[in-house]
Amino acid sequence: KAISGHHGIGSELGHMIVGEGLYDCNCGRNGCLETFVSS
């Protein structure tokens, strides 16, 4: 079964923190996976 969680954000894997990034993510935090591995 596809899992999205109670609030619909359970699969937002791009926003797990993996380190300290060069710039802040669009979500407002620093270190999101998206800020290291996206195009």
Full PDB file with SEQRES, HELIX, SHEET, SSBOND, CRYST1, ORIGX, SCALE, CONECT and MASTER records, all heavy atoms in Angstrom:
SEQRES   1 A   39  LYS ALA ILE SER GLY HIS HIS GLY ILE GLY SER GLU LEU          
SEQRES   2 A   39  GLY HIS MET ILE VAL GLY GLU GLY LEU TYR ASP CYS ASN          
SEQRES   3 A   39  CYS GLY ARG ASN GLY CYS LEU GLU THR PHE VAL SER SER          
HELIX    1 AA1 LEU A   13  HIS A   15  5                                   3    
HELIX    2 AA2 GLU A   34  VAL A   37  1                                   4    
CRYST1    1.000    1.000    1.000  90.00  90.00  90.00 P 1           1          
ORIGX1      1.000000  0.000000  0.000000        0.00000                         
ORIGX2      0.000000  1.000000  0.000000        0.00000                         
ORIGX3      0.000000  0.000000  1.000000        0.00000                         
SCALE1      1.000000  0.000000  0.000000        0.00000                         
SCALE2      0.000000  1.000000  0.000000        0.00000                         
SCALE3      0.000000  0.000000  1.000000        0.00000                         
ATOM      1  N   LYS A   1       0.829  -1.203   0.000  1.00  0.00           N  
ATOM      2  CA  LYS A   1       0.000   0.000   0.000  1.00  0.00           C  
ATOM      3  C   LYS A   1       0.869   1.261   0.000  1.00  0.00           C  
ATOM      4  O   LYS A   1       1.907   1.313   0.670  1.00  0.00           O  
ATOM      5  CB  LYS A   1      -0.916   0.017   1.227  1.00  0.00           C  
ATOM      6  CG  LYS A   1      -1.919  -1.127   1.258  1.00  0.00           C  
ATOM      7  CD  LYS A   1      -2.789  -1.043   2.503  1.00  0.00           C  
ATOM      8  CE  LYS A   1      -3.805  -2.187   2.554  1.00  0.00           C  
ATOM      9  NZ  LYS A   1      -4.650  -2.126   3.777  1.00  0.00           N  
ATOM     10  N   ALA A   2       0.424   2.271  -0.751  1.00  0.00           N  
ATOM     11  CA  ALA A   2       1.130   3.545  -0.764  1.00  0.00           C  
ATOM     12  C   ALA A   2       0.927   4.247   0.573  1.00  0.00           C  
ATOM     13  O   ALA A   2      -0.192   4.336   1.081  1.00  0.00           O  
ATOM     14  CB  ALA A   2       0.603   4.419  -1.897  1.00  0.00           C  
ATOM     15  N   ILE A   3       2.018   4.735   1.142  1.00  0.00           N  
ATOM     16  CA  ILE A   3       1.975   5.371   2.454  1.00  0.00           C  
ATOM     17  C   ILE A   3       2.290   6.856   2.322  1.00  0.00           C  
ATOM     18  O   ILE A   3       3.326   7.240   1.778  1.00  0.00           O  
ATOM     19  CB  ILE A   3       2.999   4.721   3.407  1.00  0.00           C  
ATOM     20  CG1 ILE A   3       2.710   3.231   3.559  1.00  0.00           C  
ATOM     21  CG2 ILE A   3       2.996   5.426   4.756  1.00  0.00           C  
ATOM     22  CD1 ILE A   3       1.366   2.901   4.155  1.00  0.00           C  
ATOM     23  N   SER A   4       1.384   7.695   2.824  1.00  0.00           N  
ATOM     24  CA  SER A   4       1.633   9.133   2.840  1.00  0.00           C  
ATOM     25  C   SER A   4       1.590   9.705   4.255  1.00  0.00           C  
ATOM     26  O   SER A   4       1.919  10.867   4.458  1.00  0.00           O  
ATOM     27  CB  SER A   4       0.600   9.865   1.977  1.00  0.00           C  
ATOM     28  OG  SER A   4       0.714   9.479   0.633  1.00  0.00           O  
ATOM     29  N   GLY A   5       1.152   8.887   5.209  1.00  0.00           N  
ATOM     30  CA  GLY A   5       1.074   9.346   6.587  1.00  0.00           C  
ATOM     31  C   GLY A   5      -0.231  10.059   6.890  1.00  0.00           C  
ATOM     32  O   GLY A   5      -1.061  10.285   6.011  1.00  0.00           O  
ATOM     33  N   HIS A   6      -0.405  10.404   8.146  1.00  0.00           N  
ATOM     34  CA  HIS A   6      -1.670  11.008   8.597  1.00  0.00           C  
ATOM     35  C   HIS A   6      -1.910  12.376   7.971  1.00  0.00           C  
ATOM     36  O   HIS A   6      -3.039  12.738   7.645  1.00  0.00           O  
ATOM     37  CB  HIS A   6      -1.670  11.132  10.117  1.00  0.00           C  
ATOM     38  CG  HIS A   6      -2.946  11.692  10.665  1.00  0.00           C  
ATOM     39  ND1 HIS A   6      -4.096  10.935  10.754  1.00  0.00           N  
ATOM     40  CD2 HIS A   6      -3.270  12.942  11.128  1.00  0.00           C  
ATOM     41  CE1 HIS A   6      -5.068  11.676  11.251  1.00  0.00           C  
ATOM     42  NE2 HIS A   6      -4.588  12.893  11.488  1.00  0.00           N  
ATOM     43  N   HIS A   7      -0.829  13.176   7.798  1.00  0.00           N  
ATOM     44  CA  HIS A   7      -0.976  14.537   7.288  1.00  0.00           C  
ATOM     45  C   HIS A   7      -0.573  14.667   5.821  1.00  0.00           C  
ATOM     46  O   HIS A   7      -0.544  15.781   5.286  1.00  0.00           O  
ATOM     47  CB  HIS A   7      -0.131  15.514   8.122  1.00  0.00           C  
ATOM     48  CG  HIS A   7      -0.512  15.564   9.562  1.00  0.00           C  
ATOM     49  ND1 HIS A   7       0.130  14.802  10.520  1.00  0.00           N  
ATOM     50  CD2 HIS A   7      -1.486  16.243  10.202  1.00  0.00           C  
ATOM     51  CE1 HIS A   7      -0.421  15.043  11.698  1.00  0.00           C  
ATOM     52  NE2 HIS A   7      -1.399  15.900  11.537  1.00  0.00           N  
ATOM     53  N   GLY A   8      -0.239  13.550   5.179  1.00  0.00           N  
ATOM     54  CA  GLY A   8       0.127  13.609   3.769  1.00  0.00           C  
ATOM     55  C   GLY A   8       1.587  13.927   3.499  1.00  0.00           C  
ATOM     56  O   GLY A   8       1.981  14.134   2.353  1.00  0.00           O  
ATOM     57  N   ILE A   9       2.425  13.967   4.531  1.00  0.00           N  
ATOM     58  CA  ILE A   9       3.831  14.335   4.341  1.00  0.00           C  
ATOM     59  C   ILE A   9       4.777  13.183   4.672  1.00  0.00           C  
ATOM     60  O   ILE A   9       5.988  13.361   4.751  1.00  0.00           O  
ATOM     61  CB  ILE A   9       4.213  15.568   5.190  1.00  0.00           C  
ATOM     62  CG1 ILE A   9       4.001  15.298   6.683  1.00  0.00           C  
ATOM     63  CG2 ILE A   9       3.403  16.779   4.754  1.00  0.00           C  
ATOM     64  CD1 ILE A   9       4.487  16.418   7.577  1.00  0.00           C  
ATOM     65  N   GLY A  10       4.226  11.989   4.826  1.00  0.00           N  
ATOM     66  CA  GLY A  10       5.034  10.859   5.257  1.00  0.00           C  
ATOM     67  C   GLY A  10       6.041  10.361   4.247  1.00  0.00           C  
ATOM     68  O   GLY A  10       6.983   9.658   4.603  1.00  0.00           O  
ATOM     69  N   SER A  11       5.869  10.707   2.989  1.00  0.00           N  
ATOM     70  CA  SER A  11       6.809  10.208   1.979  1.00  0.00           C  
ATOM     71  C   SER A  11       7.723  11.307   1.447  1.00  0.00           C  
ATOM     72  O   SER A  11       8.361  11.133   0.415  1.00  0.00           O  
ATOM     73  CB  SER A  11       6.034   9.583   0.814  1.00  0.00           C  
ATOM     74  OG  SER A  11       5.216  10.554   0.182  1.00  0.00           O  
ATOM     75  N   GLU A  12       7.800  12.434   2.145  1.00  0.00           N  
ATOM     76  CA  GLU A  12       8.641  13.542   1.686  1.00  0.00           C  
ATOM     77  C   GLU A  12      10.105  13.270   2.031  1.00  0.00           C  
ATOM     78  O   GLU A  12      10.725  13.954   2.849  1.00  0.00           O  
ATOM     79  CB  GLU A  12       8.164  14.861   2.302  1.00  0.00           C  
ATOM     80  CG  GLU A  12       6.841  15.348   1.760  1.00  0.00           C  
ATOM     81  CD  GLU A  12       6.940  15.818   0.318  1.00  0.00           C  
ATOM     82  OE1 GLU A  12       8.023  16.247  -0.117  1.00  0.00           O  
ATOM     83  OE2 GLU A  12       5.910  15.758  -0.385  1.00  0.00           O  
ATOM     84  N   LEU A  13      10.667  12.257   1.365  1.00  0.00           N  
ATOM     85  CA  LEU A  13      12.027  11.823   1.675  1.00  0.00           C  
ATOM     86  C   LEU A  13      13.070  12.876   1.294  1.00  0.00           C  
ATOM     87  O   LEU A  13      14.171  12.898   1.854  1.00  0.00           O  
ATOM     88  CB  LEU A  13      12.329  10.508   0.960  1.00  0.00           C  
ATOM     89  CG  LEU A  13      11.404   9.341   1.337  1.00  0.00           C  
ATOM     90  CD1 LEU A  13      11.747   8.108   0.513  1.00  0.00           C  
ATOM     91  CD2 LEU A  13      11.505   9.033   2.819  1.00  0.00           C  
ATOM     92  N   GLY A  14      12.740  13.723   0.350  1.00  0.00           N  
ATOM     93  CA  GLY A  14      13.674  14.772  -0.048  1.00  0.00           C  
ATOM     94  C   GLY A  14      13.945  15.776   1.047  1.00  0.00           C  
ATOM     95  O   GLY A  14      14.888  16.572   0.950  1.00  0.00           O  
ATOM     96  N   HIS A  15      13.127  15.740   2.117  1.00  0.00           N  
ATOM     97  CA  HIS A  15      13.310  16.711   3.196  1.00  0.00           C  
ATOM     98  C   HIS A  15      13.865  16.097   4.478  1.00  0.00           C  
ATOM     99  O   HIS A  15      13.779  16.713   5.545  1.00  0.00           O  
ATOM    100  CB  HIS A  15      11.994  17.445   3.460  1.00  0.00           C  
ATOM    101  CG  HIS A  15      11.579  18.318   2.308  1.00  0.00           C  
ATOM    102  ND1 HIS A  15      12.288  19.440   1.939  1.00  0.00           N  
ATOM    103  CD2 HIS A  15      10.576  18.193   1.402  1.00  0.00           C  
ATOM    104  CE1 HIS A  15      11.711  19.987   0.880  1.00  0.00           C  
ATOM    105  NE2 HIS A  15      10.686  19.238   0.525  1.00  0.00           N  
ATOM    106  N   MET A  16      14.435  14.896   4.376  1.00  0.00           N  
ATOM    107  CA  MET A  16      15.189  14.394   5.530  1.00  0.00           C  
ATOM    108  C   MET A  16      16.520  15.137   5.592  1.00  0.00           C  
ATOM    109  O   MET A  16      17.110  15.486   4.568  1.00  0.00           O  
ATOM    110  CB  MET A  16      15.423  12.879   5.415  1.00  0.00           C  
ATOM    111  CG  MET A  16      16.464  12.464   4.405  1.00  0.00           C  
ATOM    112  SD  MET A  16      16.860  10.709   4.505  1.00  0.00           S  
ATOM    113  CE  MET A  16      15.515  10.012   3.538  1.00  0.00           C  
ATOM    114  N   ILE A  17      16.984  15.430   6.793  1.00  0.00           N  
ATOM    115  CA  ILE A  17      18.248  16.139   6.977  1.00  0.00           C  
ATOM    116  C   ILE A  17      19.400  15.151   6.869  1.00  0.00           C  
ATOM    117  O   ILE A  17      19.428  14.135   7.556  1.00  0.00           O  
ATOM    118  CB  ILE A  17      18.292  16.846   8.348  1.00  0.00           C  
ATOM    119  CG1 ILE A  17      17.134  17.836   8.482  1.00  0.00           C  
ATOM    120  CG2 ILE A  17      19.631  17.541   8.549  1.00  0.00           C  
ATOM    121  CD1 ILE A  17      17.171  18.986   7.517  1.00  0.00           C  
ATOM    122  N   VAL A  18      20.346  15.450   5.983  1.00  0.00           N  
ATOM    123  CA  VAL A  18      21.490  14.542   5.790  1.00  0.00           C  
ATOM    124  C   VAL A  18      22.837  15.232   6.015  1.00  0.00           C  
ATOM    125  O   VAL A  18      23.879  14.581   5.979  1.00  0.00           O  
ATOM    126  CB  VAL A  18      21.470  13.906   4.388  1.00  0.00           C  
ATOM    127  CG1 VAL A  18      20.269  12.980   4.228  1.00  0.00           C  
ATOM    128  CG2 VAL A  18      21.490  14.967   3.284  1.00  0.00           C  
ATOM    129  N   GLY A  19      22.846  16.526   6.240  1.00  0.00           N  
ATOM    130  CA  GLY A  19      24.113  17.225   6.442  1.00  0.00           C  
ATOM    131  C   GLY A  19      23.881  18.721   6.496  1.00  0.00           C  
ATOM    132  O   GLY A  19      22.748  19.190   6.587  1.00  0.00           O  
ATOM    133  N   GLU A  20      24.966  19.482   6.434  1.00  0.00           N  
ATOM    134  CA  GLU A  20      24.876  20.938   6.403  1.00  0.00           C  
ATOM    135  C   GLU A  20      25.122  21.393   4.977  1.00  0.00           C  
ATOM    136  O   GLU A  20      26.172  21.130   4.397  1.00  0.00           O  
ATOM    137  CB  GLU A  20      25.904  21.565   7.349  1.00  0.00           C  
ATOM    138  CG  GLU A  20      25.770  23.066   7.464  1.00  0.00           C  
ATOM    139  CD  GLU A  20      26.697  23.657   8.518  1.00  0.00           C  
ATOM    140  OE1 GLU A  20      27.259  22.885   9.315  1.00  0.00           O  
ATOM    141  OE2 GLU A  20      26.855  24.891   8.543  1.00  0.00           O  
ATOM    142  N   GLY A  21      24.128  22.058   4.390  1.00  0.00           N  
ATOM    143  CA  GLY A  21      24.198  22.390   2.976  1.00  0.00           C  
ATOM    144  C   GLY A  21      24.738  23.776   2.691  1.00  0.00           C  
ATOM    145  O   GLY A  21      24.906  24.608   3.589  1.00  0.00           O  
ATOM    146  N   LEU A  22      24.982  24.030   1.392  1.00  0.00           N  
ATOM    147  CA  LEU A  22      25.473  25.329   0.951  1.00  0.00           C  
ATOM    148  C   LEU A  22      24.371  26.389   0.975  1.00  0.00           C  
ATOM    149  O   LEU A  22      24.656  27.580   1.038  1.00  0.00           O  
ATOM    150  CB  LEU A  22      26.024  25.229  -0.476  1.00  0.00           C  
ATOM    151  CG  LEU A  22      27.316  24.436  -0.674  1.00  0.00           C  
ATOM    152  CD1 LEU A  22      27.629  24.306  -2.154  1.00  0.00           C  
ATOM    153  CD2 LEU A  22      28.469  25.123   0.046  1.00  0.00           C  
ATOM    154  N   TYR A  23      23.134  25.942   0.875  1.00  0.00           N  
ATOM    155  CA  TYR A  23      22.013  26.879   0.837  1.00  0.00           C  
ATOM    156  C   TYR A  23      20.810  26.254   1.528  1.00  0.00           C  
ATOM    157  O   TYR A  23      20.743  25.036   1.695  1.00  0.00           O  
ATOM    158  CB  TYR A  23      21.669  27.253  -0.608  1.00  0.00           C  
ATOM    159  CG  TYR A  23      21.211  26.085  -1.459  1.00  0.00           C  
ATOM    160  CD1 TYR A  23      19.847  25.815  -1.616  1.00  0.00           C  
ATOM    161  CD2 TYR A  23      22.120  25.276  -2.117  1.00  0.00           C  
ATOM    162  CE1 TYR A  23      19.418  24.752  -2.395  1.00  0.00           C  
ATOM    163  CE2 TYR A  23      21.698  24.213  -2.901  1.00  0.00           C  
ATOM    164  CZ  TYR A  23      20.354  23.959  -3.042  1.00  0.00           C  
ATOM    165  OH  TYR A  23      19.933  22.901  -3.813  1.00  0.00           O  
ATOM    166  N   ASP A  24      19.868  27.076   1.920  1.00  0.00           N  
ATOM    167  CA  ASP A  24      18.661  26.575   2.580  1.00  0.00           C  
ATOM    168  C   ASP A  24      17.695  25.991   1.554  1.00  0.00           C  
ATOM    169  O   ASP A  24      17.612  26.448   0.413  1.00  0.00           O  
ATOM    170  CB  ASP A  24      17.962  27.702   3.346  1.00  0.00           C  
ATOM    171  CG  ASP A  24      18.730  28.140   4.578  1.00  0.00           C  
ATOM    172  OD1 ASP A  24      19.626  27.394   5.022  1.00  0.00           O  
ATOM    173  OD2 ASP A  24      18.441  29.245   5.094  1.00  0.00           O  
ATOM    174  N   CYS A  25      16.969  25.002   1.986  1.00  0.00           N  
ATOM    175  CA  CYS A  25      15.947  24.369   1.149  1.00  0.00           C  
ATOM    176  C   CYS A  25      14.732  25.291   1.026  1.00  0.00           C  
ATOM    177  O   CYS A  25      14.533  26.198   1.845  1.00  0.00           O  
ATOM    178  CB  CYS A  25      15.543  23.038   1.785  1.00  0.00           C  
ATOM    179  SG  CYS A  25      14.339  22.089   0.846  1.00  0.00           S  
ATOM    180  N   ASN A  26      13.912  25.054   0.011  1.00  0.00           N  
ATOM    181  CA  ASN A  26      12.675  25.819  -0.146  1.00  0.00           C  
ATOM    182  C   ASN A  26      11.734  25.656   1.047  1.00  0.00           C  
ATOM    183  O   ASN A  26      10.861  26.495   1.280  1.00  0.00           O  
ATOM    184  CB  ASN A  26      11.934  25.389  -1.417  1.00  0.00           C  
ATOM    185  CG  ASN A  26      12.603  25.918  -2.664  1.00  0.00           C  
ATOM    186  OD1 ASN A  26      13.283  26.940  -2.615  1.00  0.00           O  
ATOM    187  ND2 ASN A  26      12.428  25.239  -3.781  1.00  0.00           N  
ATOM    188  N   CYS A  27      11.920  24.554   1.794  1.00  0.00           N  
ATOM    189  CA  CYS A  27      11.053  24.325   2.964  1.00  0.00           C  
ATOM    190  C   CYS A  27      11.463  25.209   4.131  1.00  0.00           C  
ATOM    191  O   CYS A  27      10.770  25.265   5.148  1.00  0.00           O  
ATOM    192  CB  CYS A  27      11.088  22.853   3.368  1.00  0.00           C  
ATOM    193  SG  CYS A  27      12.605  22.342   4.222  1.00  0.00           S  
ATOM    194  N   GLY A  28      12.617  25.886   4.016  1.00  0.00           N  
ATOM    195  CA  GLY A  28      13.063  26.797   5.060  1.00  0.00           C  
ATOM    196  C   GLY A  28      14.158  26.251   5.952  1.00  0.00           C  
ATOM    197  O   GLY A  28      14.729  26.990   6.764  1.00  0.00           O  
ATOM    198  N   ARG A  29      14.457  24.944   5.801  1.00  0.00           N  
ATOM    199  CA  ARG A  29      15.492  24.341   6.649  1.00  0.00           C  
ATOM    200  C   ARG A  29      16.791  24.194   5.859  1.00  0.00           C  
ATOM    201  O   ARG A  29      16.833  24.360   4.638  1.00  0.00           O  
ATOM    202  CB  ARG A  29      15.038  22.978   7.154  1.00  0.00           C  
ATOM    203  CG  ARG A  29      13.737  23.031   7.939  1.00  0.00           C  
ATOM    204  CD  ARG A  29      13.424  21.691   8.566  1.00  0.00           C  
ATOM    205  NE  ARG A  29      13.343  20.617   7.580  1.00  0.00           N  
ATOM    206  CZ  ARG A  29      13.304  19.333   7.893  1.00  0.00           C  
ATOM    207  NH1 ARG A  29      13.372  18.947   9.155  1.00  0.00           N  
ATOM    208  NH2 ARG A  29      13.215  18.414   6.946  1.00  0.00           N  
ATOM    209  N   ASN A  30      17.852  23.874   6.561  1.00  0.00           N  
ATOM    210  CA  ASN A  30      19.134  23.626   5.918  1.00  0.00           C  
ATOM    211  C   ASN A  30      19.498  22.156   6.089  1.00  0.00           C  
ATOM    212  O   ASN A  30      19.298  21.577   7.157  1.00  0.00           O  
ATOM    213  CB  ASN A  30      20.237  24.490   6.547  1.00  0.00           C  
ATOM    214  CG  ASN A  30      21.551  24.382   5.792  1.00  0.00           C  
ATOM    215  OD1 ASN A  30      22.311  23.425   5.962  1.00  0.00           O  
ATOM    216  ND2 ASN A  30      21.819  25.359   4.948  1.00  0.00           N  
ATOM    217  N   GLY A  31      20.040  21.541   5.027  1.00  0.00           N  
ATOM    218  CA  GLY A  31      20.519  20.171   5.128  1.00  0.00           C  
ATOM    219  C   GLY A  31      19.613  19.123   4.538  1.00  0.00           C  
ATOM    220  O   GLY A  31      19.895  17.922   4.655  1.00  0.00           O  
ATOM    221  N   CYS A  32      18.520  19.522   3.891  1.00  0.00           N  
ATOM    222  CA  CYS A  32      17.619  18.538   3.286  1.00  0.00           C  
ATOM    223  C   CYS A  32      18.314  17.774   2.165  1.00  0.00           C  
ATOM    224  O   CYS A  32      19.133  18.328   1.426  1.00  0.00           O  
ATOM    225  CB  CYS A  32      16.382  19.224   2.712  1.00  0.00           C  
ATOM    226  SG  CYS A  32      15.256  19.879   3.952  1.00  0.00           S  
ATOM    227  N   LEU A  33      17.968  16.506   2.033  1.00  0.00           N  
ATOM    228  CA  LEU A  33      18.514  15.662   0.966  1.00  0.00           C  
ATOM    229  C   LEU A  33      18.396  16.348  -0.388  1.00  0.00           C  
ATOM    230  O   LEU A  33      19.304  16.277  -1.223  1.00  0.00           O  
ATOM    231  CB  LEU A  33      17.780  14.321   0.954  1.00  0.00           C  
ATOM    232  CG  LEU A  33      18.212  13.299  -0.106  1.00  0.00           C  
ATOM    233  CD1 LEU A  33      19.643  12.843   0.143  1.00  0.00           C  
ATOM    234  CD2 LEU A  33      17.258  12.109  -0.107  1.00  0.00           C  
ATOM    235  N   GLU A  34      17.284  17.026  -0.607  1.00  0.00           N  
ATOM    236  CA  GLU A  34      17.026  17.714  -1.875  1.00  0.00           C  
ATOM    237  C   GLU A  34      18.111  18.724  -2.221  1.00  0.00           C  
ATOM    238  O   GLU A  34      18.402  18.974  -3.393  1.00  0.00           O  
ATOM    239  CB  GLU A  34      15.665  18.403  -1.780  1.00  0.00           C  
ATOM    240  CG  GLU A  34      15.198  19.089  -3.032  1.00  0.00           C  
ATOM    241  CD  GLU A  34      13.739  19.503  -2.936  1.00  0.00           C  
ATOM    242  OE1 GLU A  34      12.861  18.609  -2.849  1.00  0.00           O  
ATOM    243  OE2 GLU A  34      13.481  20.716  -2.952  1.00  0.00           O  
ATOM    244  N   THR A  35      18.734  19.321  -1.198  1.00  0.00           N  
ATOM    245  CA  THR A  35      19.753  20.345  -1.449  1.00  0.00           C  
ATOM    246  C   THR A  35      21.131  19.746  -1.719  1.00  0.00           C  
ATOM    247  O   THR A  35      22.101  20.496  -1.874  1.00  0.00           O  
ATOM    248  CB  THR A  35      19.836  21.331  -0.267  1.00  0.00           C  
ATOM    249  OG1 THR A  35      20.265  20.641   0.909  1.00  0.00           O  
ATOM    250  CG2 THR A  35      18.489  21.981  -0.011  1.00  0.00           C  
ATOM    251  N   PHE A  36      21.210  18.424  -1.781  1.00  0.00           N  
ATOM    252  CA  PHE A  36      22.455  17.740  -2.106  1.00  0.00           C  
ATOM    253  C   PHE A  36      22.369  16.914  -3.390  1.00  0.00           C  
ATOM    254  O   PHE A  36      23.366  16.751  -4.084  1.00  0.00           O  
ATOM    255  CB  PHE A  36      22.871  16.797  -0.962  1.00  0.00           C  
ATOM    256  CG  PHE A  36      23.309  17.502   0.288  1.00  0.00           C  
ATOM    257  CD1 PHE A  36      22.406  17.768   1.303  1.00  0.00           C  
ATOM    258  CD2 PHE A  36      24.632  17.897   0.454  1.00  0.00           C  
ATOM    259  CE1 PHE A  36      22.798  18.413   2.461  1.00  0.00           C  
ATOM    260  CE2 PHE A  36      25.043  18.547   1.611  1.00  0.00           C  
ATOM    261  CZ  PHE A  36      24.126  18.806   2.621  1.00  0.00           C  
ATOM    262  N   VAL A  37      21.184  16.377  -3.697  1.00  0.00           N  
ATOM    263  CA  VAL A  37      21.138  15.374  -4.766  1.00  0.00           C  
ATOM    264  C   VAL A  37      20.164  15.712  -5.895  1.00  0.00           C  
ATOM    265  O   VAL A  37      20.037  14.929  -6.843  1.00  0.00           O  
ATOM    266  CB  VAL A  37      20.803  13.971  -4.201  1.00  0.00           C  
ATOM    267  CG1 VAL A  37      21.753  13.612  -3.072  1.00  0.00           C  
ATOM    268  CG2 VAL A  37      19.361  13.869  -3.729  1.00  0.00           C  
ATOM    269  N   SER A  38      19.500  16.843  -5.850  1.00  0.00           N  
ATOM    270  CA  SER A  38      18.613  17.237  -6.947  1.00  0.00           C  
ATOM    271  C   SER A  38      19.428  17.861  -8.071  1.00  0.00           C  
ATOM    272  O   SER A  38      20.619  18.176  -7.906  1.00  0.00           O  
ATOM    273  CB  SER A  38      17.584  18.250  -6.448  1.00  0.00           C  
ATOM    274  OG  SER A  38      18.237  19.444  -6.048  1.00  0.00           O  
ATOM    275  N   SER A  39      18.799  18.068  -9.221  1.00  0.00           N  
ATOM    276  CA  SER A  39      19.513  18.723 -10.323  1.00  0.00           C  
ATOM    277  C   SER A  39      19.884  20.148  -9.939  1.00  0.00           C  
ATOM    278  O   SER A  39      20.982  20.627 -10.252  1.00  0.00           O  
ATOM    279  CB  SER A  39      18.666  18.705 -11.600  1.00  0.00           C  
ATOM    280  OG  SER A  39      17.436  19.373 -11.415  1.00  0.00           O  
TER     281      SER A  39                                                      
MASTER        0    0    0    2    0    0    0    6  280    1    0    3          
END                                                                             
